[in-house]
Protein backbone atom coordinates (compact mmCIF):
# COMPACT_ATOMS: atom_id res chain seq x y z
CA UNK A 1 0.07 0.03 0.03
CA UNK A 2 1.27 3.72 -0.85
CA UNK A 3 1.35 6.34 1.49
CA UNK A 4 -0.09 10.03 0.16
CA UNK A 5 1.58 12.62 1.17
CA UNK A 6 -0.55 15.20 2.44
CA UNK A 7 0.27 19.19 1.73
CA UNK A 8 0.28 20.58 5.27
CA UNK A 9 0.24 23.79 6.46
CA UNK A 10 2.04 26.53 7.79
CA UNK A 11 2.85 26.62 11.34
CA UNK A 12 1.92 29.70 13.68
CA UNK A 13 5.71 29.91 13.63
CA UNK A 14 5.93 30.63 10.25
CA UNK A 15 3.22 33.77 10.46
CA UNK A 16 4.54 37.04 10.14
CA UNK A 17 5.86 39.09 13.46
CA UNK A 18 3.42 41.94 13.76
CA UNK A 19 6.20 44.11 13.02
CA UNK A 20 6.69 43.42 9.86
CA UNK A 21 2.35 43.38 9.50
CA UNK A 22 2.68 46.77 10.76
CA UNK A 23 5.43 48.16 7.91
CA UNK A 24 3.14 46.63 5.32
CA UNK A 25 0.41 48.86 6.24
CA UNK A 26 2.43 51.56 6.33
CA UNK A 27 4.41 51.33 3.20
CA UNK A 28 0.65 50.95 1.88
CA UNK A 29 -0.42 53.38 3.11
CA UNK A 30 2.59 55.90 2.42
CA UNK A 31 1.78 55.23 -0.96
CA UNK A 32 -1.59 56.05 -0.82
CA UNK A 33 -0.84 59.61 1.26
CA UNK A 34 2.43 60.29 -1.55
CA UNK A 35 -0.22 59.53 -4.23
CA UNK A 36 -3.27 61.66 -2.88
CA UNK A 37 -0.08 64.46 -1.52
CA UNK A 38 1.28 64.91 -5.05
CA UNK A 39 -2.46 65.28 -6.72
CA UNK A 40 -2.97 68.05 -3.69
CA UNK A 41 0.14 70.43 -4.22
CA UNK A 42 -0.69 69.76 -8.32
CA UNK A 43 -4.52 71.06 -7.84
CA UNK A 44 -2.95 73.87 -5.59
CA UNK A 45 -0.92 74.93 -8.45
CA UNK A 46 -3.64 75.25 -10.79
CA UNK A 47 -5.25 77.06 -8.08
CA UNK A 48 -2.56 79.63 -8.37
CA UNK A 49 -2.07 79.60 -11.85
CA UNK A 50 -5.78 80.52 -12.52
CA UNK A 51 -6.15 82.87 -9.53
CA UNK A 52 -5.66 85.74 -12.11
CA UNK A 53 -4.75 87.97 -9.14
CA UNK A 54 -7.75 86.93 -7.01
CA UNK A 55 -6.33 87.60 -3.21
CA UNK A 56 -8.86 84.70 -1.89
CA UNK A 57 -8.08 81.38 -4.26
CA UNK A 58 -4.15 82.69 -3.82
CA UNK A 59 -4.08 81.89 -0.39
CA UNK A 60 -6.34 79.10 -1.13
CA UNK A 61 -3.63 77.58 -3.18
CA UNK A 62 -1.02 78.62 0.23
CA UNK A 63 -3.33 76.71 2.71
CA UNK A 64 -3.56 73.71 -0.01
CA UNK A 65 -0.01 73.87 -0.18
CA UNK A 66 0.96 74.26 3.25
CA UNK A 67 -1.56 71.06 4.36
CA UNK A 68 -0.43 68.84 2.00
CA UNK A 69 3.29 69.51 2.93
CA UNK A 70 1.85 69.09 6.84
CA UNK A 71 -0.02 65.65 5.47
CA UNK A 72 3.62 64.57 3.96
CA UNK A 73 5.74 65.57 7.12
CA UNK A 74 3.20 63.15 9.47
CA UNK A 75 2.78 60.58 6.80
CA UNK A 76 6.83 60.00 7.11
CA UNK A 77 6.80 61.09 11.19
CA UNK A 78 4.39 57.79 11.14
CA UNK A 79 6.89 55.51 8.79
CA UNK A 80 9.92 56.17 11.32
CA UNK A 81 8.26 56.01 14.16
CA UNK A 82 6.89 52.61 13.50
CA UNK A 83 9.84 51.29 12.07
CA UNK A 84 11.73 52.53 15.15
CA UNK A 85 9.51 50.36 17.42
CA UNK A 86 9.33 47.76 15.07
CA UNK A 87 13.41 47.49 15.47
CA UNK A 88 13.07 47.84 19.30
CA UNK A 89 10.22 45.11 19.45
CA UNK A 90 11.97 42.42 17.04
């Protein structure tokens, strides 16, 4: 009688670590935020170029640019913090 080999499921030790999962999620979110930031910077440029001397539209474009840059800084800071915590945890 011939034995049939059965595929074995991975054991718990083969599962990715929590730090690895967090880094993967963070990289995905950072990609999404990066795309949104680039789009918002382009929108700010278009608003600024089409302002036609309107102080209100120029201020709107400046605010959009400022908030886009702040968003990029926050996303990068989150990446640094998560990577540091992941390095400590292991």
